[in-house]
PDB file of N, CA and C in Angstrom:
ATOM      1  N   MET A   1     217.411 108.170 206.202  1.00  0.00           N
ATOM      2  CA  MET A   1     218.818 107.840 206.080  1.00  0.00           C
ATOM      3  C   MET A   1     219.053 107.133 204.748  1.00  0.00           C
ATOM      4  N   LEU A   2     220.112 107.545 204.075  1.00  0.00           N
ATOM      5  CA  LEU A   2     220.495 106.918 202.816  1.00  0.00           C
ATOM      6  C   LEU A   2     221.260 105.636 203.066  1.00  0.00           C
ATOM      7  N   ASP A   3     221.290 104.774 202.046  1.00  0.00           N
ATOM      8  CA  ASP A   3     222.036 103.529 202.149  1.00  0.00           C
ATOM      9  C   ASP A   3     222.906 103.378 200.907  1.00  0.00           C
ATOM     10  N   LEU A   4     224.193 103.666 201.057  1.00  0.00           N
ATOM     11  CA  LEU A   4     225.165 103.501 199.971  1.00  0.00           C
ATOM     12  C   LEU A   4     226.303 102.631 200.480  1.00  0.00           C
ATOM     13  N   ASP A   5     226.742 101.707 199.644  1.00  0.00           N
ATOM     14  CA  ASP A   5     227.883 100.894 200.061  1.00  0.00           C
ATOM     15  C   ASP A   5     229.161 101.720 199.955  1.00  0.00           C
ATOM     16  N   ALA A   6     230.247 101.156 200.439  1.00  0.00           N
ATOM     17  CA  ALA A   6     231.514 101.891 200.534  1.00  0.00           C
ATOM     18  C   ALA A   6     231.994 102.386 199.175  1.00  0.00           C
ATOM     19  N   SER A   7     231.890 101.570 198.142  1.00  0.00           N
ATOM     20  CA  SER A   7     232.413 101.985 196.830  1.00  0.00           C
ATOM     21  C   SER A   7     231.576 103.108 196.228  1.00  0.00           C
ATOM     22  N   GLU A   8     230.262 103.060 196.392  1.00  0.00           N
ATOM     23  CA  GLU A   8     229.402 104.147 195.907  1.00  0.00           C
ATOM     24  C   GLU A   8     229.698 105.445 196.645  1.00  0.00           C
ATOM     25  N   PHE A   9     229.885 105.327 197.950  1.00  0.00           N
ATOM     26  CA  PHE A   9     230.182 106.502 198.761  1.00  0.00           C
ATOM     27  C   PHE A   9     231.529 107.104 198.364  1.00  0.00           C
ATOM     28  N   GLU A  10     232.539 106.265 198.195  1.00  0.00           N
ATOM     29  CA  GLU A  10     233.866 106.747 197.799  1.00  0.00           C
ATOM     30  C   GLU A  10     233.815 107.456 196.452  1.00  0.00           C
ATOM     31  N   ARG A  11     232.998 106.959 195.546  1.00  0.00           N
ATOM     32  CA  ARG A  11     232.848 107.609 194.244  1.00  0.00           C
ATOM     33  C   ARG A  11     232.277 109.017 194.408  1.00  0.00           C
ATOM     34  N   LEU A  12     231.312 109.181 195.317  1.00  0.00           N
ATOM     35  CA  LEU A  12     230.756 110.513 195.581  1.00  0.00           C
ATOM     36  C   LEU A  12     231.816 111.448 196.161  1.00  0.00           C
ATOM     37  N   VAL A  13     232.656 110.924 197.042  1.00  0.00           N
ATOM     38  CA  VAL A  13     233.724 111.736 197.627  1.00  0.00           C
ATOM     39  C   VAL A  13     234.686 112.205 196.537  1.00  0.00           C
ATOM     40  N   VAL A  14     235.077 111.304 195.646  1.00  0.00           N
ATOM     41  CA  VAL A  14     235.985 111.665 194.544  1.00  0.00           C
ATOM     42  C   VAL A  14     235.320 112.707 193.651  1.00  0.00           C
ATOM     43  N   ASP A  15     234.045 112.520 193.348  1.00  0.00           N
ATOM     44  CA  ASP A  15     233.322 113.491 192.519  1.00  0.00           C
ATOM     45  C   ASP A  15     233.315 114.872 193.171  1.00  0.00           C
ATOM     46  N   GLU A  16     233.075 114.924 194.484  1.00  0.00           N
ATOM     47  CA  GLU A  16     233.054 116.207 195.187  1.00  0.00           C
ATOM     48  C   GLU A  16     234.445 116.824 195.248  1.00  0.00           C
ATOM     49  N   LEU A  17     235.471 116.012 195.422  1.00  0.00           N
ATOM     50  CA  LEU A  17     236.843 116.526 195.400  1.00  0.00           C
ATOM     51  C   LEU A  17     237.151 117.178 194.059  1.00  0.00           C
ATOM     52  N   ASP A  18     236.703 116.547 192.981  1.00  0.00           N
ATOM     53  CA  ASP A  18     236.935 117.088 191.642  1.00  0.00           C
ATOM     54  C   ASP A  18     236.244 118.429 191.425  1.00  0.00           C
ATOM     55  N   LEU A  19     235.182 118.695 192.169  1.00  0.00           N
ATOM     56  CA  LEU A  19     234.432 119.943 192.018  1.00  0.00           C
ATOM     57  C   LEU A  19     235.010 121.101 192.838  1.00  0.00           C
ATOM     58  N   LEU A  20     235.927 120.793 193.764  1.00  0.00           N
ATOM     59  CA  LEU A  20     236.511 121.849 194.584  1.00  0.00           C
ATOM     60  C   LEU A  20     237.409 122.744 193.740  1.00  0.00           C
ATOM     61  N   PRO A  21     237.509 124.027 194.104  1.00  0.00           N
ATOM     62  CA  PRO A  21     238.353 124.952 193.338  1.00  0.00           C
ATOM     63  C   PRO A  21     239.817 124.509 193.357  1.00  0.00           C
ATOM     64  N   ASP A  22     240.492 124.700 192.214  1.00  0.00           N
ATOM     65  CA  ASP A  22     241.895 124.314 192.100  1.00  0.00           C
ATOM     66  C   ASP A  22     242.759 124.971 193.166  1.00  0.00           C
ATOM     67  N   ASP A  23     242.506 126.245 193.463  1.00  0.00           N
ATOM     68  CA  ASP A  23     243.353 126.923 194.444  1.00  0.00           C
ATOM     69  C   ASP A  23     243.184 126.354 195.850  1.00  0.00           C
ATOM     70  N   MET A  24     242.128 125.609 196.097  1.00  0.00           N
ATOM     71  CA  MET A  24     241.947 124.970 197.386  1.00  0.00           C
ATOM     72  C   MET A  24     242.727 123.649 197.465  1.00  0.00           C
ATOM     73  N   VAL A  25     242.742 122.905 196.391  1.00  0.00           N
ATOM     74  CA  VAL A  25     243.363 121.577 196.429  1.00  0.00           C
ATOM     75  C   VAL A  25     244.797 121.552 195.922  1.00  0.00           C
ATOM     76  N   ASP A  26     245.196 122.552 195.131  1.00  0.00           N
ATOM     77  CA  ASP A  26     246.563 122.551 194.587  1.00  0.00           C
ATOM     78  C   ASP A  26     247.628 122.628 195.676  1.00  0.00           C
ATOM     79  N   GLY A  27     247.328 123.255 196.798  1.00  0.00           N
ATOM     80  CA  GLY A  27     248.297 123.402 197.874  1.00  0.00           C
ATOM     81  C   GLY A  27     248.373 122.212 198.817  1.00  0.00           C
ATOM     82  N   LEU A  28     247.526 121.219 198.602  1.00  0.00           N
ATOM     83  CA  LEU A  28     247.527 120.045 199.474  1.00  0.00           C
ATOM     84  C   LEU A  28     248.736 119.182 199.144  1.00  0.00           C
ATOM     85  N   ASP A  29     249.715 119.235 200.017  1.00  0.00           N
ATOM     86  CA  ASP A  29     250.953 118.494 199.808  1.00  0.00           C
ATOM     87  C   ASP A  29     251.029 117.346 200.802  1.00  0.00           C
ATOM     88  N   ASN A  30     251.219 116.141 200.290  1.00  0.00           N
ATOM     89  CA  ASN A  30     251.376 114.953 201.123  1.00  0.00           C
ATOM     90  C   ASN A  30     250.132 114.709 201.981  1.00  0.00           C
ATOM     91  N   VAL A  31     248.973 114.788 201.339  1.00  0.00           N
ATOM     92  CA  VAL A  31     247.689 114.559 202.003  1.00  0.00           C
ATOM     93  C   VAL A  31     246.949 113.463 201.255  1.00  0.00           C
ATOM     94  N   ILE A  32     246.408 112.511 201.998  1.00  0.00           N
ATOM     95  CA  ILE A  32     245.569 111.490 201.389  1.00  0.00           C
ATOM     96  C   ILE A  32     244.148 111.630 201.926  1.00  0.00           C
ATOM     97  N   PHE A  33     243.200 111.239 201.116  1.00  0.00           N
ATOM     98  CA  PHE A  33     241.795 111.243 201.498  1.00  0.00           C
ATOM     99  C   PHE A  33     241.366 109.797 201.717  1.00  0.00           C
ATOM    100  N   VAL A  34     240.681 109.577 202.847  1.00  0.00           N
ATOM    101  CA  VAL A  34     240.301 108.238 203.258  1.00  0.00           C
ATOM    102  C   VAL A  34     238.829 108.244 203.637  1.00  0.00           C
ATOM    103  N   VAL A  35     238.139 107.158 203.319  1.00  0.00           N
ATOM    104  CA  VAL A  35     236.771 106.970 203.786  1.00  0.00           C
ATOM    105  C   VAL A  35     236.783 105.798 204.764  1.00  0.00           C
ATOM    106  N   GLU A  36     236.212 106.035 205.936  1.00  0.00           N
ATOM    107  CA  GLU A  36     236.040 104.985 206.929  1.00  0.00           C
ATOM    108  C   GLU A  36     234.570 104.950 207.315  1.00  0.00           C
ATOM    109  N   ASP A  37     234.121 103.801 207.806  1.00  0.00           N
ATOM    110  CA  ASP A  37     232.710 103.686 208.183  1.00  0.00           C
ATOM    111  C   ASP A  37     232.346 104.601 209.346  1.00  0.00           C
ATOM    112  N   ARG A  38     233.148 104.537 210.425  1.00  0.00           N
ATOM    113  CA  ARG A  38     232.889 105.340 211.626  1.00  0.00           C
ATOM    114  C   ARG A  38     234.210 105.701 212.285  1.00  0.00           C
ATOM    115  N   PRO A  39     234.185 106.738 213.135  1.00  0.00           N
ATOM    116  CA  PRO A  39     235.375 107.020 213.945  1.00  0.00           C
ATOM    117  C   PRO A  39     235.659 105.848 214.891  1.00  0.00           C
ATOM    118  N   GLU A  40     236.866 105.811 215.410  1.00  0.00           N
ATOM    119  CA  GLU A  40     237.267 104.725 216.312  1.00  0.00           C
ATOM    120  C   GLU A  40     236.345 104.579 217.512  1.00  0.00           C
ATOM    121  N   ASP A  41     235.804 105.694 218.014  1.00  0.00           N
ATOM    122  CA  ASP A  41     234.939 105.617 219.195  1.00  0.00           C
ATOM    123  C   ASP A  41     233.512 105.191 218.856  1.00  0.00           C
ATOM    124  N   GLY A  42     233.231 104.978 217.565  1.00  0.00           N
ATOM    125  CA  GLY A  42     231.928 104.489 217.139  1.00  0.00           C
ATOM    126  C   GLY A  42     230.831 105.527 217.053  1.00  0.00           C
ATOM    127  N   THR A  43     231.134 106.772 217.338  1.00  0.00           N
ATOM    128  CA  THR A  43     230.121 107.818 217.345  1.00  0.00           C
ATOM    129  C   THR A  43     229.602 108.113 215.938  1.00  0.00           C
ATOM    130  N   LEU A  44     228.391 108.622 215.889  1.00  0.00           N
ATOM    131  CA  LEU A  44     227.835 109.121 214.630  1.00  0.00           C
ATOM    132  C   LEU A  44     227.866 110.643 214.594  1.00  0.00           C
ATOM    133  N   ASP A  45     228.532 111.255 215.580  1.00  0.00           N
ATOM    134  CA  ASP A  45     228.578 112.712 215.680  1.00  0.00           C
ATOM    135  C   ASP A  45     229.716 113.343 214.886  1.00  0.00           C
ATOM    136  N   THR A  46     230.672 112.565 214.458  1.00  0.00           N
ATOM    137  CA  THR A  46     231.836 113.089 213.742  1.00  0.00           C
ATOM    138  C   THR A  46     231.728 112.737 212.267  1.00  0.00           C
ATOM    139  N   LEU A  47     231.697 113.770 211.426  1.00  0.00           N
ATOM    140  CA  LEU A  47     231.541 113.554 209.987  1.00  0.00           C
ATOM    141  C   LEU A  47     232.880 113.406 209.282  1.00  0.00           C
ATOM    142  N   GLY A  48     233.899 114.093 209.791  1.00  0.00           N
ATOM    143  CA  GLY A  48     235.208 114.054 209.160  1.00  0.00           C
ATOM    144  C   GLY A  48     236.288 114.385 210.163  1.00  0.00           C
ATOM    145  N   LEU A  49     237.540 114.188 209.727  1.00  0.00           N
ATOM    146  CA  LEU A  49     238.676 114.408 210.616  1.00  0.00           C
ATOM    147  C   LEU A  49     239.893 114.779 209.782  1.00  0.00           C
ATOM    148  N   TYR A  50     240.618 115.784 210.241  1.00  0.00           N
ATOM    149  CA  TYR A  50     241.933 116.087 209.676  1.00  0.00           C
ATOM    150  C   TYR A  50     242.952 115.514 210.642  1.00  0.00           C
ATOM    151  N   ASP A  51     243.766 114.594 210.176  1.00  0.00           N
ATOM    152  CA  ASP A  51     244.780 113.933 210.984  1.00  0.00           C
ATOM    153  C   ASP A  51     246.146 114.304 210.426  1.00  0.00           C
ATOM    154  N   GLY A  52     246.761 115.314 211.017  1.00  0.00           N
ATOM    155  CA  GLY A  52     248.055 115.761 210.528  1.00  0.00           C
ATOM    156  C   GLY A  52     248.490 117.026 211.230  1.00  0.00           C
ATOM    157  N   VAL A  53     249.495 117.652 210.657  1.00  0.00           N
ATOM    158  CA  VAL A  53     250.027 118.900 211.191  1.00  0.00           C
ATOM    159  C   VAL A  53     249.659 120.008 210.219  1.00  0.00           C
ATOM    160  N   ALA A  54     248.926 120.996 210.723  1.00  0.00           N
ATOM    161  CA  ALA A  54     248.479 122.098 209.868  1.00  0.00           C
ATOM    162  C   ALA A  54     249.666 122.804 209.224  1.00  0.00           C
ATOM    163  N   LEU A  55     249.453 123.281 208.044  1.00  0.00           N
ATOM    164  CA  LEU A  55     250.483 123.983 207.287  1.00  0.00           C
ATOM    165  C   LEU A  55     251.102 125.125 208.096  1.00  0.00           C
ATOM    166  N   THR A  56     250.299 125.807 208.864  1.00  0.00           N
ATOM    167  CA  THR A  56     250.770 126.946 209.656  1.00  0.00           C
ATOM    168  C   THR A  56     251.604 126.530 210.867  1.00  0.00           C
ATOM    169  N   GLU A  57     251.585 125.252 211.214  1.00  0.00           N
ATOM    170  CA  GLU A  57     252.309 124.769 212.392  1.00  0.00           C
ATOM    171  C   GLU A  57     253.519 123.906 212.036  1.00  0.00           C
ATOM    172  N   ARG A  58     253.763 123.747 210.765  1.00  0.00           N
ATOM    173  CA  ARG A  58     254.868 122.890 210.357  1.00  0.00           C
ATOM    174  C   ARG A  58     256.190 123.619 210.482  1.00  0.00           C
ATOM    175  N   GLY A  59     257.151 122.922 211.036  1.00  0.00           N
ATOM    176  CA  GLY A  59     258.513 123.438 211.049  1.00  0.00           C
ATOM    177  C   GLY A  59     259.198 122.922 209.803  1.00  0.00           C
ATOM    178  N   GLN A  60     260.210 122.120 210.016  1.00  0.00           N
ATOM    179  CA  GLN A  60     260.892 121.513 208.881  1.00  0.00           C
ATOM    180  C   GLN A  60     260.063 120.323 208.421  1.00  0.00           C
ATOM    181  N   TYR A  61     259.730 120.304 207.171  1.00  0.00           N
ATOM    182  CA  TYR A  61     258.853 119.281 206.623  1.00  0.00           C
ATOM    183  C   TYR A  61     259.418 118.878 205.283  1.00  0.00           C
ATOM    184  N   GLY A  62     259.615 117.605 205.098  1.00  0.00           N
ATOM    185  CA  GLY A  62     260.206 117.216 203.825  1.00  0.00           C
ATOM    186  C   GLY A  62     260.089 115.745 203.554  1.00  0.00           C
ATOM    187  N   PHE A  63     261.064 115.236 202.881  1.00  0.00           N
ATOM    188  CA  PHE A  63     261.077 113.852 202.425  1.00  0.00           C
ATOM    189  C   PHE A  63     260.916 112.884 203.591  1.00  0.00           C
ATOM    190  N   GLY A  64     260.107 111.872 203.384  1.00  0.00           N
ATOM    191  CA  GLY A  64     259.957 110.821 204.370  1.00  0.00           C
ATOM    192  C   GLY A  64     258.848 111.037 205.379  1.00  0.00           C
ATOM    193  N   GLU A  65     258.148 112.144 205.295  1.00  0.00           N
ATOM    194  CA  GLU A  65     257.052 112.409 206.224  1.00  0.00           C
ATOM    195  C   GLU A  65     255.855 111.523 205.864  1.00  0.00           C
ATOM    196  N   MET A  66     255.207 110.991 206.868  1.00  0.00           N
ATOM    197  CA  MET A  66     253.965 110.265 206.640  1.00  0.00           C
ATOM    198  C   MET A  66     252.922 111.271 206.149  1.00  0.00           C
ATOM    199  N   PRO A  67     252.055 110.841 205.237  1.00  0.00           N
ATOM    200  CA  PRO A  67     251.055 111.797 204.741  1.00  0.00           C
ATOM    201  C   PRO A  67     250.024 112.157 205.808  1.00  0.00           C
ATOM    202  N   ASP A  68     249.570 113.404 205.748  1.00  0.00           N
ATOM    203  CA  ASP A  68     248.417 113.799 206.539  1.00  0.00           C
ATOM    204  C   ASP A  68     247.210 113.076 205.945  1.00  0.00           C
ATOM    205  N   ARG A  69     246.174 112.921 206.763  1.00  0.00           N
ATOM    206  CA  ARG A  69     244.966 112.243 206.280  1.00  0.00           C
ATOM    207  C   ARG A  69     243.751 113.122 206.508  1.00  0.00           C
ATOM    208  N   ILE A  70     242.897 113.139 205.515  1.00  0.00           N
ATOM    209  CA  ILE A  70     241.572 113.717 205.679  1.00  0.00           C
ATOM    210  C   ILE A  70     240.613 112.545 205.554  1.00  0.00           C
ATOM    211  N   VAL A  71     239.884 112.303 206.642  1.00  0.00           N
ATOM    212  CA  VAL A  71     239.008 111.139 206.725  1.00  0.00           C
ATOM    213  C   VAL A  71     237.562 111.604 206.698  1.00  0.00           C
ATOM    214  N   LEU A  72     236.765 110.975 205.861  1.00  0.00           N
ATOM    215  CA  LEU A  72     235.317 111.179 205.868  1.00  0.00           C
ATOM    216  C   LEU A  72     234.680 109.899 206.384  1.00  0.00           C
ATOM    217  N   PHE A  73     233.719 110.053 207.289  1.00  0.00           N
ATOM    218  CA  PHE A  73     233.076 108.906 207.902  1.00  0.00           C
ATOM    219  C   PHE A  73     231.719 108.656 207.246  1.00  0.00           C
ATOM    220  N   ARG A  74     231.629 107.518 206.578  1.00  0.00           N
ATOM    221  CA  ARG A  74     230.473 107.179 205.749  1.00  0.00           C
ATOM    222  C   ARG A  74     229.178 107.092 206.554  1.00  0.00           C
ATOM    223  N   GLU A  75     229.149 106.317 207.612  1.00  0.00           N
ATOM    224  CA  GLU A  75     227.898 106.098 208.338  1.00  0.00           C
ATOM    225  C   GLU A  75     227.344 107.377 208.974  1.00  0.00           C
ATOM    226  N   PRO A  76     228.165 108.193 209.634  1.00  0.00           N
ATOM    227  CA  PRO A  76     227.609 109.452 210.167  1.00  0.00           C
ATOM    228  C   PRO A  76     227.070 110.377 209.077  1.00  0.00           C
ATOM    229  N   LEU A  77     227.772 110.452 207.946  1.00  0.00           N
ATOM    230  CA  LEU A  77     227.283 111.300 206.854  1.00  0.00           C
ATOM    231  C   LEU A  77     225.972 110.762 206.290  1.00  0.00           C
ATOM    232  N   LEU A  78     225.883 109.459 206.122  1.00  0.00           N
ATOM    233  CA  LEU A  78     224.632 108.876 205.628  1.00  0.00           C
ATOM    234  C   LEU A  78     223.493 109.080 206.621  1.00  0.00           C
ATOM    235  N   ALA A  79     223.808 109.024 207.908  1.00  0.00           N
ATOM    236  CA  ALA A  79     222.773 109.129 208.947  1.00  0.00           C
ATOM    237  C   ALA A  79     222.088 110.485 208.968  1.00  0.00           C
ATOM    238  N   ILE A  80     222.778 111.536 208.535  1.00  0.00           N
ATOM    239  CA  ILE A  80     222.168 112.875 208.597  1.00  0.00           C
ATOM    240  C   ILE A  80     221.526 113.294 207.280  1.00  0.00           C
ATOM    241  N   CYS A  81     221.600 112.444 206.276  1.00  0.00           N
ATOM    242  CA  CYS A  81     221.099 112.822 204.948  1.00  0.00           C
ATOM    243  C   CYS A  81     219.881 112.000 204.557  1.00  0.00           C
ATOM    244  N   GLU A  82     218.912 112.709 203.994  1.00  0.00           N
ATOM    245  CA  GLU A  82     217.708 112.029 203.531  1.00  0.00           C
ATOM    246  C   GLU A  82     217.702 111.844 202.016  1.00  0.00           C
ATOM    247  N   THR A  83     218.443 112.692 201.304  1.00  0.00           N
ATOM    248  CA  THR A  83     218.478 112.594 199.844  1.00  0.00           C
ATOM    249  C   THR A  83     219.924 112.567 199.360  1.00  0.00           C
ATOM    250  N   LEU A  84     220.101 112.162 198.132  1.00  0.00           N
ATOM    251  CA  LEU A  84     221.429 112.151 197.527  1.00  0.00           C
ATOM    252  C   LEU A  84     221.981 113.569 197.406  1.00  0.00           C
ATOM    253  N   ASP A  85     221.116 114.539 197.124  1.00  0.00           N
ATOM    254  CA  ASP A  85     221.555 115.940 197.075  1.00  0.00           C
ATOM    255  C   ASP A  85     222.075 116.402 198.431  1.00  0.00           C
ATOM    256  N   ASP A  86     221.370 116.012 199.504  1.00  0.00           N
ATOM    257  CA  ASP A  86     221.841 116.335 200.852  1.00  0.00           C
ATOM    258  C   ASP A  86     223.231 115.744 201.090  1.00  0.00           C
ATOM    259  N   LEU A  87     223.430 114.512 200.649  1.00  0.00           N
ATOM    260  CA  LEU A  87     224.710 113.842 200.851  1.00  0.00           C
ATOM    261  C   LEU A  87     225.821 114.554 200.092  1.00  0.00           C
ATOM    262  N   HIS A  88     225.559 114.931 198.849  1.00  0.00           N
ATOM    263  CA  HIS A  88     226.558 115.696 198.084  1.00  0.00           C
ATOM    264  C   HIS A  88     226.948 116.965 198.844  1.00  0.00           C
ATOM    265  N   ASP A  89     225.937 117.681 199.353  1.00  0.00           N
ATOM    266  CA  ASP A  89     226.199 118.920 200.089  1.00  0.00           C
ATOM    267  C   ASP A  89     227.029 118.658 201.342  1.00  0.00           C
ATOM    268  N   GLU A  90     226.673 117.639 202.105  1.00  0.00           N
ATOM    269  CA  GLU A  90     227.377 117.348 203.358  1.00  0.00           C
ATOM    270  C   GLU A  90     228.810 116.874 203.101  1.00  0.00           C
ATOM    271  N   ILE A  91     229.020 116.099 202.064  1.00  0.00           N
ATOM    272  CA  ILE A  91     230.378 115.680 201.714  1.00  0.00           C
ATOM    273  C   ILE A  91     231.202 116.901 201.329  1.00  0.00           C
ATOM    274  N   HIS A  92     230.616 117.780 200.538  1.00  0.00           N
ATOM    275  CA  HIS A  92     231.307 119.007 200.121  1.00  0.00           C
ATOM    276  C   HIS A  92     231.701 119.850 201.343  1.00  0.00           C
ATOM    277  N   ILE A  93     230.754 120.080 202.220  1.00  0.00           N
ATOM    278  CA  ILE A  93     231.008 120.882 203.419  1.00  0.00           C
ATOM    279  C   ILE A  93     232.080 120.234 204.284  1.00  0.00           C
ATOM    280  N   THR A  94     232.016 118.920 204.451  1.00  0.00           N
ATOM    281  CA  THR A  94     232.987 118.211 205.277  1.00  0.00           C
ATOM    282  C   THR A  94     234.373 118.285 204.665  1.00  0.00           C
ATOM    283  N   LEU A  95     234.476 118.129 203.346  1.00  0.00           N
ATOM    284  CA  LEU A  95     235.777 118.246 202.680  1.00  0.00           C
ATOM    285  C   LEU A  95     236.366 119.639 202.876  1.00  0.00           C
ATOM    286  N   VAL A  96     235.561 120.666 202.647  1.00  0.00           N
ATOM    287  CA  VAL A  96     236.044 122.044 202.813  1.00  0.00           C
ATOM    288  C   VAL A  96     236.489 122.267 204.262  1.00  0.00           C
ATOM    289  N   HIS A  97     235.713 121.790 205.202  1.00  0.00           N
ATOM    290  CA  HIS A  97     236.008 121.958 206.623  1.00  0.00           C
ATOM    291  C   HIS A  97     237.367 121.316 206.977  1.00  0.00           C
ATOM    292  N   GLU A  98     237.565 120.076 206.546  1.00  0.00           N
ATOM    293  CA  GLU A  98     238.799 119.365 206.893  1.00  0.00           C
ATOM    294  C   GLU A  98     240.003 119.918 206.127  1.00  0.00           C
ATOM    295  N   ILE A  99     239.816 120.307 204.887  1.00  0.00           N
ATOM    296  CA  ILE A  99     240.909 120.942 204.127  1.00  0.00           C
ATOM    297  C   ILE A  99     241.307 122.257 204.791  1.00  0.00           C
ATOM    298  N   ALA A 100     240.324 122.981 205.315  1.00  0.00           N
ATOM    299  CA  ALA A 100     240.623 124.229 206.015  1.00  0.00           C
ATOM    300  C   ALA A 100     241.533 123.970 207.217  1.00  0.00           C
ATOM    301  N   HIS A 101     241.315 122.868 207.915  1.00  0.00           N
ATOM    302  CA  HIS A 101     242.193 122.527 209.039  1.00  0.00           C
ATOM    303  C   HIS A 101     243.631 122.299 208.554  1.00  0.00           C
ATOM    304  N   PHE A 102     243.801 121.700 207.378  1.00  0.00           N
ATOM    305  CA  PHE A 102     245.140 121.534 206.801  1.00  0.00           C
ATOM    306  C   PHE A 102     245.819 122.897 206.653  1.00  0.00           C
ATOM    307  N   TYR A 103     245.056 123.889 206.230  1.00  0.00           N
ATOM    308  CA  TYR A 103     245.594 125.234 206.030  1.00  0.00           C
ATOM    309  C   TYR A 103     245.702 126.034 207.329  1.00  0.00           C
ATOM    310  N   GLY A 104     245.330 125.436 208.456  1.00  0.00           N
ATOM    311  CA  GLY A 104     245.491 126.093 209.741  1.00  0.00           C
ATOM    312  C   GLY A 104     244.295 126.891 210.207  1.00  0.00           C
ATOM    313  N   ILE A 105     243.162 126.722 209.574  1.00  0.00           N
ATOM    314  CA  ILE A 105     241.949 127.439 209.969  1.00  0.00           C
ATOM    315  C   ILE A 105     241.239 126.607 211.036  1.00  0.00           C
ATOM    316  N   ASP A 106     241.028 127.195 212.212  1.00  0.00           N
ATOM    317  CA  ASP A 106     240.426 126.433 213.312  1.00  0.00           C
ATOM    318  C   ASP A 106     238.894 126.476 213.247  1.00  0.00           C
ATOM    319  N   ASP A 107     238.273 125.669 214.119  1.00  0.00           N
ATOM    320  CA  ASP A 107     236.808 125.559 214.123  1.00  0.00           C
ATOM    321  C   ASP A 107     236.114 126.886 214.386  1.00  0.00           C
ATOM    322  N   ASP A 108     236.661 127.708 215.286  1.00  0.00           N
ATOM    323  CA  ASP A 108     236.035 129.001 215.563  1.00  0.00           C
ATOM    324  C   ASP A 108     235.958 129.861 214.306  1.00  0.00           C
ATOM    325  N   ARG A 109     237.050 129.926 213.582  1.00  0.00           N
ATOM    326  CA  ARG A 109     237.079 130.728 212.349  1.00  0.00           C
ATOM    327  C   ARG A 109     236.164 130.119 211.291  1.00  0.00           C
ATOM    328  N   LEU A 110     236.125 128.797 211.201  1.00  0.00           N
ATOM    329  CA  LEU A 110     235.219 128.141 210.247  1.00  0.00           C
ATOM    330  C   LEU A 110     233.768 128.468 210.556  1.00  0.00           C
ATOM    331  N   HIS A 111     233.421 128.507 211.834  1.00  0.00           N
ATOM    332  CA  HIS A 111     232.055 128.875 212.218  1.00  0.00           C
ATOM    333  C   HIS A 111     231.762 130.317 211.812  1.00  0.00           C
ATOM    334  N   GLU A 112     232.732 131.212 212.020  1.00  0.00           N
ATOM    335  CA  GLU A 112     232.551 132.605 211.608  1.00  0.00           C
ATOM    336  C   GLU A 112     232.315 132.714 210.110  1.00  0.00           C
ATOM    337  N   LEU A 113     232.977 131.847 209.343  1.00  0.00           N
ATOM    338  CA  LEU A 113     232.874 131.870 207.876  1.00  0.00           C
ATOM    339  C   LEU A 113     231.655 131.101 207.359  1.00  0.00           C
ATOM    340  N   GLY A 114     230.931 130.422 208.268  1.00  0.00           N
ATOM    341  CA  GLY A 114     229.741 129.674 207.873  1.00  0.00           C
ATOM    342  C   GLY A 114     230.024 128.253 207.456  1.00  0.00           C
ATOM    343  N   TRP A 115     231.201 127.721 207.771  1.00  0.00           N
ATOM    344  CA  TRP A 115     231.560 126.354 207.394  1.00  0.00           C
ATOM    345  C   TRP A 115     231.637 125.433 208.601  1.00  0.00           C
ATOM    346  N   GLY A 116     231.160 125.860 209.738  1.00  0.00           N
ATOM    347  CA  GLY A 116     231.304 125.055 210.951  1.00  0.00           C
ATOM    348  C   GLY A 116     230.109 124.233 211.279  1.00  0.00           C
TER     349      GLY A 116
END
């Protein structure tokens, strides 16, 4: 298991976000990225979470809406990684997975595509 403090981990998340293709991130409207230590239930089984309304399910959406959140959980991600390269890969996969939920792609389809 790796040991990175919150600021080091957040820097890795920002670095991985910068590496994502423009066409994946350009459509993210009113979305914030957040790093938390663990999910509310304390589990280490959840690496990330999309908290919002998928683009495909939005009706009228406009000014004054609270931002959707994509949350990455630091401790679960660190717990499954033995090297920094592993962590980069897992952060990347988790970001793609949660961004896909923003676009309305469900877990079944993500598994079919190899991102589940």
